[in-house]
Amino acid sequence: MSGNGYTLPRKLRELVPYAPLSGSYRIRLDANESFLSPPPELMEELMAAVMAVDFNRYPDPYAVELCEKCAAFFGVDSSMVVAGNGSDELIGLIVSWFTEPGDTMAVVSPDFSMYSFYAQPCGLRLLTVEKDPGTLVLDVDALISRAREADARLLIFSNPCNPTSLAATRADILKIVDGLPGCLVVVDEAYMDFAEGSILRMAGEHDNLIVLKTCSKAFGMAAIRLGFAVARPGLILALKAAKSPYNVNSMTQAVGCVLFSHPDYLAGCADEIRASRDTLCRELSALAGEKAEILDMRPTCANFVFLRLTDAKGVYEALLARGIAVRLMGDRLRVSAGAPIENRALLSTLREILR
């Protein structure tokens, strides 16, 4: 028996805990959350559903009713849907169970950082395909070529992209799926409710495609941690085998069932957020036109904008000092679309800072 005592494995020693922005800010535009909360009548229905939960019983392990309602909302068969404790759980399951040590997993950059995070303990080779640094556009042909050369077994990316806010076309996504028949392609459509070109309803036509959805963005339910994977039944059965038995708690299932029973409300939420985003984009574009030497922005397909500034860190700190939280990402700021009053406050504060 060694007398040195237990030490953490190297892969864990090198990790640092996730540290979200802390502090009290009057306006939070840093996490791509919805600015909408359920209206009182829906809140009453949600509360009644939670009160009806048998708290002494385990949840339905397959969230059958919830998946049926989700499938009906998205227009697919319920055999093509599995629920997760947020999309993050499903990403982790896919990365760890649909690969073997030594396999190559492909990602693009910039993109959602958690994809590569989940690969770290799995013994995978990580192939990162960089986007054009100026346009941030995904080069589909280059991605297919690089993934083929590396014999990638898994490719995962967001569309629309977090953080660039840009979206590849449906034709481009299908070109990737068809061009990599031996690779599982996972398309994270967390922000697709704000864009066009979803391939979710085509998931059943491809053996190598999984589409991820979330309730945290357009539906304004980040607190309940609920996501879904949509794919051919064989892939869904494999995910069900890989997940833990009671991964989605009963309260989340109850709230989700009520939520998907109100499709008009959900569609209205997405419409209202898009309207806020479009107004914010117009105003920021006008500001960028006035300050072209220090500020640049592109059109967005998500619920946020991605701004490039000559002094992004300075502007970020100045916004924080004035009680407005955004996300600093190198020489760019990612800014969520807020309520109209929040957007107006952001714009007036930015004008003051950039004066």
Protein backbone atom coordinates (compact mmCIF):
# COMPACT_ATOMS: atom_id res chain seq x y z
CA MET A 1 0.00 0.00 0.00
CA SER A 2 1.41 3.36 -1.03
CA GLY A 3 1.94 5.96 1.64
CA ASN A 4 1.71 8.87 -0.75
CA GLY A 5 -2.06 9.15 -0.52
CA TYR A 6 -4.64 9.62 -3.23
CA THR A 7 -3.98 12.09 -6.04
CA LEU A 8 -6.37 13.20 -8.74
CA PRO A 9 -5.80 11.86 -12.26
CA ARG A 10 -4.00 14.27 -14.57
CA LYS A 11 -7.06 14.88 -16.75
CA LEU A 12 -8.95 16.13 -13.69
CA ARG A 13 -6.09 18.10 -12.14
CA GLU A 14 -5.91 20.26 -15.25
CA LEU A 15 -9.61 21.20 -15.13
CA VAL A 16 -11.01 24.33 -13.54
CA PRO A 17 -14.67 24.62 -12.50
CA TYR A 18 -17.05 26.49 -14.77
CA ALA A 19 -17.27 30.03 -13.47
CA PRO A 20 -20.29 31.95 -14.75
CA LEU A 21 -20.29 35.69 -14.35
CA SER A 22 -21.10 36.44 -10.73
CA GLY A 23 -22.40 39.60 -9.18
CA SER A 24 -25.59 41.60 -9.28
CA TYR A 25 -26.33 43.31 -12.59
CA ARG A 26 -29.42 45.29 -13.50
CA ILE A 27 -29.40 43.82 -17.01
CA ARG A 28 -28.22 40.28 -17.87
CA LEU A 29 -27.45 39.79 -21.56
CA ASP A 30 -24.60 37.30 -21.14
CA ALA A 31 -26.18 33.81 -21.25
CA ASN A 32 -28.53 33.82 -24.29
CA GLU A 33 -31.51 33.34 -22.01
CA SER A 34 -35.04 34.36 -22.91
CA PHE A 35 -36.30 37.62 -21.46
CA LEU A 36 -39.82 36.16 -21.37
CA SER A 37 -41.49 34.46 -18.41
CA PRO A 38 -44.74 32.46 -18.61
CA PRO A 39 -47.89 34.57 -18.22
CA PRO A 40 -49.91 34.14 -14.98
CA GLU A 41 -52.46 31.74 -16.46
CA LEU A 42 -49.74 29.44 -17.76
CA MET A 43 -47.84 29.71 -14.48
CA GLU A 44 -50.95 28.45 -12.68
CA GLU A 45 -51.10 25.46 -15.01
CA LEU A 46 -47.41 24.74 -14.51
CA MET A 47 -47.74 24.97 -10.73
CA ALA A 48 -50.74 22.63 -10.75
CA ALA A 49 -48.77 20.10 -12.79
CA VAL A 50 -45.88 20.22 -10.33
CA MET A 51 -48.25 19.90 -7.36
CA ALA A 52 -49.67 16.71 -8.91
CA VAL A 53 -46.25 15.02 -8.97
CA ASP A 54 -45.84 11.94 -6.77
CA PHE A 55 -42.69 13.08 -5.01
CA ASN A 56 -42.14 9.69 -3.39
CA ARG A 57 -41.93 7.94 -6.77
CA TYR A 58 -39.14 7.84 -9.32
CA PRO A 59 -39.77 9.61 -12.64
CA ASP A 60 -40.88 7.82 -15.78
CA PRO A 61 -37.46 6.57 -16.97
CA TYR A 62 -38.25 7.26 -20.63
CA ALA A 63 -40.43 10.36 -20.16
CA VAL A 64 -42.94 8.78 -22.54
CA GLU A 65 -45.70 11.39 -22.35
CA LEU A 66 -43.20 14.23 -22.59
CA CYS A 67 -41.49 12.73 -25.64
CA GLU A 68 -44.87 12.16 -27.31
CA LYS A 69 -45.81 15.81 -26.82
CA CYS A 70 -42.40 16.99 -27.99
CA ALA A 71 -42.61 14.77 -31.07
CA ALA A 72 -46.07 16.11 -31.91
CA PHE A 73 -44.81 19.68 -31.57
CA PHE A 74 -41.86 19.11 -33.91
CA GLY A 75 -43.79 16.89 -36.33
CA VAL A 76 -41.88 13.62 -35.92
CA ASP A 77 -42.70 10.17 -34.57
CA SER A 78 -42.20 9.69 -30.83
CA SER A 79 -39.90 6.72 -31.52
CA MET A 80 -37.43 9.31 -32.85
CA VAL A 81 -37.20 11.34 -29.61
CA VAL A 82 -35.35 10.94 -26.32
CA ALA A 83 -35.33 13.49 -23.49
CA GLY A 84 -32.26 14.61 -21.58
CA ASN A 85 -31.34 16.62 -18.52
CA GLY A 86 -30.59 19.54 -20.79
CA SER A 87 -28.88 19.14 -24.16
CA ASP A 88 -25.60 18.97 -22.24
CA GLU A 89 -26.43 15.52 -20.90
CA LEU A 90 -27.20 14.27 -24.40
CA ILE A 91 -23.97 15.75 -25.78
CA GLY A 92 -22.00 14.01 -23.05
CA LEU A 93 -23.75 10.70 -23.72
CA ILE A 94 -23.12 10.90 -27.46
CA VAL A 95 -19.46 11.81 -27.10
CA SER A 96 -18.73 9.10 -24.52
CA TRP A 97 -20.86 6.24 -25.82
CA PHE A 98 -20.81 6.65 -29.61
CA THR A 99 -17.00 6.63 -29.80
CA GLU A 100 -14.09 4.39 -28.80
CA PRO A 101 -10.75 5.52 -27.33
CA GLY A 102 -8.50 6.56 -30.19
CA ASP A 103 -11.38 7.62 -32.45
CA THR A 104 -11.34 11.06 -34.03
CA MET A 105 -14.03 13.54 -33.10
CA ALA A 106 -14.38 16.62 -35.31
CA VAL A 107 -15.53 20.06 -34.19
CA VAL A 108 -15.42 23.50 -35.76
CA SER A 109 -14.09 26.72 -34.25
CA PRO A 110 -15.41 29.00 -33.03
CA ASP A 111 -18.33 26.98 -31.66
CA PHE A 112 -19.89 25.87 -28.38
CA SER A 113 -16.97 24.95 -26.13
CA MET A 114 -18.71 22.08 -24.33
CA TYR A 115 -18.41 19.77 -27.35
CA SER A 116 -14.65 19.47 -26.98
CA PHE A 117 -14.94 19.54 -23.18
CA TYR A 118 -16.89 16.29 -23.15
CA ALA A 119 -14.26 14.67 -25.37
CA GLN A 120 -11.45 15.26 -22.85
CA PRO A 121 -11.88 12.15 -20.65
CA CYS A 122 -12.74 9.81 -23.54
CA GLY A 123 -9.33 9.27 -25.10
CA LEU A 124 -10.40 10.82 -28.39
CA ARG A 125 -8.34 12.56 -31.03
CA LEU A 126 -9.84 16.00 -31.49
CA LEU A 127 -9.91 17.49 -34.99
CA THR A 128 -10.69 21.21 -34.95
CA VAL A 129 -11.61 22.79 -38.28
CA GLU A 130 -11.19 26.56 -38.09
CA LYS A 131 -13.67 28.92 -39.72
CA ASP A 132 -12.53 31.90 -41.76
CA PRO A 133 -11.33 34.41 -39.11
CA GLY A 134 -12.82 37.33 -41.00
CA THR A 135 -16.23 36.06 -42.06
CA LEU A 136 -16.62 33.26 -39.47
CA VAL A 137 -18.42 31.27 -42.18
CA LEU A 138 -18.26 27.48 -42.14
CA ASP A 139 -16.37 26.07 -45.15
CA VAL A 140 -18.46 22.97 -45.78
CA ASP A 141 -16.17 21.41 -48.38
CA ALA A 142 -13.10 21.90 -46.18
CA LEU A 143 -14.92 20.38 -43.21
CA ILE A 144 -15.93 17.30 -45.19
CA SER A 145 -12.42 16.91 -46.61
CA ARG A 146 -10.69 17.26 -43.23
CA ALA A 147 -13.13 14.90 -41.51
CA ARG A 148 -12.64 12.29 -44.23
CA GLU A 149 -8.86 12.54 -44.06
CA ALA A 150 -8.96 12.06 -40.29
CA ASP A 151 -11.51 9.22 -40.55
CA ALA A 152 -13.69 11.08 -38.04
CA ARG A 153 -16.26 8.93 -36.28
CA LEU A 154 -18.14 11.84 -34.74
CA LEU A 155 -18.76 15.42 -35.86
CA ILE A 156 -20.72 17.84 -33.72
CA PHE A 157 -21.50 21.51 -34.29
CA SER A 158 -24.21 24.09 -33.63
CA ASN A 159 -26.45 25.55 -36.32
CA PRO A 160 -27.07 28.44 -35.94
CA CYS A 161 -23.67 28.74 -34.38
CA ASN A 162 -23.01 29.82 -30.83
CA PRO A 163 -21.15 32.20 -30.68
CA THR A 164 -20.97 33.52 -34.26
CA SER A 165 -24.79 33.75 -34.64
CA LEU A 166 -24.46 32.58 -38.26
CA ALA A 167 -26.34 29.64 -39.80
CA ALA A 168 -25.40 27.23 -42.55
CA THR A 169 -28.12 26.43 -45.07
CA ARG A 170 -30.17 23.24 -44.97
CA ALA A 171 -28.49 22.18 -48.21
CA ASP A 172 -25.03 22.63 -46.69
CA ILE A 173 -25.92 20.63 -43.58
CA LEU A 174 -27.31 17.78 -45.66
CA LYS A 175 -24.19 17.91 -47.83
CA ILE A 176 -22.12 17.31 -44.69
CA VAL A 177 -24.34 14.45 -43.52
CA ASP A 178 -24.31 12.77 -46.94
CA GLY A 179 -20.61 13.46 -47.45
CA LEU A 180 -19.61 11.66 -44.24
CA PRO A 181 -21.62 8.41 -44.28
CA GLY A 182 -19.29 6.65 -41.84
CA CYS A 183 -19.37 9.51 -39.33
CA LEU A 184 -22.13 10.30 -36.85
CA VAL A 185 -23.11 13.94 -37.46
CA VAL A 186 -24.71 15.75 -34.52
CA VAL A 187 -26.35 19.08 -35.33
CA ASP A 188 -27.20 21.18 -32.28
CA GLU A 189 -30.23 23.28 -33.24
CA ALA A 190 -30.51 25.10 -29.92
CA TYR A 191 -31.00 28.40 -31.78
CA MET A 192 -32.87 27.18 -34.86
CA ASP A 193 -36.19 28.56 -33.56
CA PHE A 194 -34.81 32.00 -34.48
CA ALA A 195 -33.70 31.00 -37.99
CA GLU A 196 -34.68 29.02 -41.08
CA GLY A 197 -33.31 25.73 -42.38
CA SER A 198 -33.92 23.12 -39.68
CA ILE A 199 -33.17 19.53 -40.68
CA LEU A 200 -34.96 18.06 -37.67
CA ARG A 201 -37.78 16.52 -39.71
CA MET A 202 -35.20 14.91 -41.99
CA ALA A 203 -33.48 13.09 -39.13
CA GLY A 204 -35.44 9.93 -39.88
CA GLU A 205 -34.00 9.78 -43.40
CA HIS A 206 -30.35 9.45 -42.34
CA ASP A 207 -28.58 6.68 -40.43
CA ASN A 208 -25.80 9.01 -39.25
CA LEU A 209 -27.68 12.09 -38.03
CA ILE A 210 -28.78 13.27 -34.59
CA VAL A 211 -30.44 16.66 -34.11
CA LEU A 212 -30.45 18.29 -30.67
CA LYS A 213 -33.12 20.68 -29.37
CA THR A 214 -33.45 22.61 -26.11
CA CYS A 215 -36.16 24.30 -24.06
CA SER A 216 -33.72 26.88 -22.70
CA LYS A 217 -33.68 29.43 -25.51
CA ALA A 218 -36.84 30.21 -27.51
CA PHE A 219 -39.10 28.50 -24.98
CA GLY A 220 -37.69 30.39 -21.99
CA MET A 221 -37.34 27.35 -19.72
CA ALA A 222 -33.62 27.30 -18.91
CA ALA A 223 -34.41 26.60 -15.24
CA ILE A 224 -35.93 23.16 -15.88
CA ARG A 225 -32.91 21.76 -17.80
CA LEU A 226 -34.68 19.96 -20.64
CA GLY A 227 -33.32 18.96 -24.02
CA PHE A 228 -34.12 16.40 -26.70
CA ALA A 229 -32.34 14.31 -29.30
CA VAL A 230 -34.14 13.49 -32.54
CA ALA A 231 -32.87 10.68 -34.78
CA ARG A 232 -33.78 7.37 -36.37
CA PRO A 233 -35.27 4.91 -33.85
CA GLY A 234 -32.12 2.77 -33.80
CA LEU A 235 -29.98 5.70 -32.64
CA ILE A 236 -32.63 6.71 -30.10
CA LEU A 237 -32.69 3.18 -28.66
CA ALA A 238 -28.92 3.34 -28.30
CA LEU A 239 -29.17 6.66 -26.45
CA LYS A 240 -31.85 5.24 -24.16
CA ALA A 241 -29.54 2.34 -23.36
CA ALA A 242 -26.66 4.71 -22.59
CA LYS A 243 -28.49 7.21 -20.39
CA SER A 244 -29.09 6.83 -16.66
CA PRO A 245 -32.53 5.38 -15.77
CA TYR A 246 -34.20 8.48 -14.29
CA ASN A 247 -32.36 11.27 -16.04
CA VAL A 248 -35.26 13.74 -16.38
CA ASN A 249 -36.93 14.49 -13.05
CA SER A 250 -40.69 14.33 -12.58
CA MET A 251 -41.12 18.08 -12.11
CA THR A 252 -39.33 18.81 -15.37
CA GLN A 253 -41.42 16.18 -17.15
CA ALA A 254 -44.62 17.70 -15.76
CA VAL A 255 -43.64 21.24 -16.75
CA GLY A 256 -42.51 20.07 -20.19
CA CYS A 257 -45.81 18.31 -20.86
CA VAL A 258 -47.74 21.48 -20.07
CA LEU A 259 -45.36 23.56 -22.15
CA PHE A 260 -45.75 21.47 -25.30
CA SER A 261 -49.53 21.56 -24.86
CA HIS A 262 -49.36 25.27 -25.76
CA PRO A 263 -47.76 25.37 -29.22
CA ASP A 264 -49.18 28.82 -29.99
CA TYR A 265 -47.54 30.23 -26.87
CA LEU A 266 -44.17 28.68 -27.79
CA ALA A 267 -44.37 30.01 -31.34
CA GLY A 268 -45.28 33.43 -29.98
CA CYS A 269 -42.25 33.41 -27.68
CA ALA A 270 -39.93 32.77 -30.62
CA ASP A 271 -41.62 35.53 -32.62
CA GLU A 272 -41.28 38.05 -29.79
CA ILE A 273 -37.61 37.25 -29.25
CA ARG A 274 -36.91 37.52 -32.99
CA ALA A 275 -38.60 40.93 -33.05
CA SER A 276 -36.44 42.09 -30.15
CA ARG A 277 -33.32 40.75 -31.85
CA ASP A 278 -34.15 42.43 -35.15
CA THR A 279 -34.68 45.79 -33.47
CA LEU A 280 -31.42 45.41 -31.57
CA CYS A 281 -29.61 44.50 -34.79
CA ARG A 282 -30.92 47.53 -36.64
CA GLU A 283 -29.82 49.88 -33.89
CA LEU A 284 -26.41 48.24 -33.50
CA SER A 285 -25.89 48.28 -37.26
CA ALA A 286 -26.57 52.00 -37.27
CA LEU A 287 -24.10 52.47 -34.42
CA ALA A 288 -21.53 50.34 -36.24
CA GLY A 289 -21.99 52.55 -39.28
CA GLU A 290 -21.15 55.59 -37.17
CA LYS A 291 -18.23 53.86 -35.42
CA ALA A 292 -16.91 51.67 -38.24
CA GLU A 293 -13.32 52.17 -37.13
CA ILE A 294 -13.95 50.54 -33.73
CA LEU A 295 -17.14 48.45 -34.05
CA ASP A 296 -18.25 45.77 -36.50
CA MET A 297 -21.29 43.51 -36.48
CA ARG A 298 -22.86 41.01 -38.86
CA PRO A 299 -26.44 39.83 -39.34
CA THR A 300 -27.60 37.25 -36.81
CA CYS A 301 -29.66 34.07 -37.03
CA ALA A 302 -29.85 33.52 -33.26
CA ASN A 303 -31.19 35.35 -30.20
CA PHE A 304 -27.94 37.27 -29.76
CA VAL A 305 -25.50 39.43 -31.68
CA PHE A 306 -21.74 39.01 -32.03
CA LEU A 307 -19.86 42.31 -32.01
CA ARG A 308 -16.24 42.89 -32.92
CA LEU A 309 -14.55 45.84 -31.19
CA THR A 310 -11.04 47.20 -31.20
CA ASP A 311 -11.25 47.34 -27.39
CA ALA A 312 -13.70 44.56 -26.55
CA LYS A 313 -12.30 44.06 -23.05
CA GLY A 314 -12.49 47.75 -22.24
CA VAL A 315 -16.09 48.01 -23.46
CA TYR A 316 -16.99 44.82 -21.59
CA GLU A 317 -15.60 46.19 -18.33
CA ALA A 318 -17.30 49.54 -18.88
CA LEU A 319 -20.65 47.79 -19.40
CA LEU A 320 -20.17 45.72 -16.25
CA ALA A 321 -19.35 48.87 -14.30
CA ARG A 322 -22.68 50.29 -15.45
CA GLY A 323 -24.61 47.16 -14.43
CA ILE A 324 -24.93 45.48 -17.83
CA ALA A 325 -23.58 41.93 -18.22
CA VAL A 326 -22.54 40.61 -21.65
CA ARG A 327 -20.11 37.85 -22.68
CA LEU A 328 -16.49 38.66 -23.55
CA MET A 329 -14.98 36.36 -26.19
CA GLY A 330 -11.56 37.56 -27.30
CA ASP A 331 -11.97 40.65 -29.45
CA ARG A 332 -15.75 40.22 -29.55
CA LEU A 333 -18.78 40.61 -27.33
CA ARG A 334 -21.73 38.25 -27.45
CA VAL A 335 -24.87 40.14 -26.47
CA SER A 336 -28.24 38.46 -25.93
CA ALA A 337 -31.38 40.15 -27.21
CA GLY A 338 -33.22 41.42 -24.16
CA ALA A 339 -36.56 42.97 -23.46
CA PRO A 340 -37.08 46.24 -25.38
CA ILE A 341 -36.30 48.33 -22.29
CA GLU A 342 -33.08 46.35 -21.75
CA ASN A 343 -32.03 46.77 -25.38
CA ARG A 344 -32.60 50.52 -25.17
CA ALA A 345 -30.49 50.73 -22.01
CA LEU A 346 -27.71 48.73 -23.66
CA LEU A 347 -27.71 50.92 -26.76
CA SER A 348 -27.65 54.20 -24.85
CA THR A 349 -24.86 52.89 -22.62
CA LEU A 350 -22.82 51.68 -25.61
CA ARG A 351 -23.18 55.07 -27.26
CA GLU A 352 -21.93 56.71 -24.09
CA ILE A 353 -18.94 54.34 -23.84
CA LEU A 354 -17.99 54.64 -27.52
CA ARG A 355 -18.43 58.42 -27.66
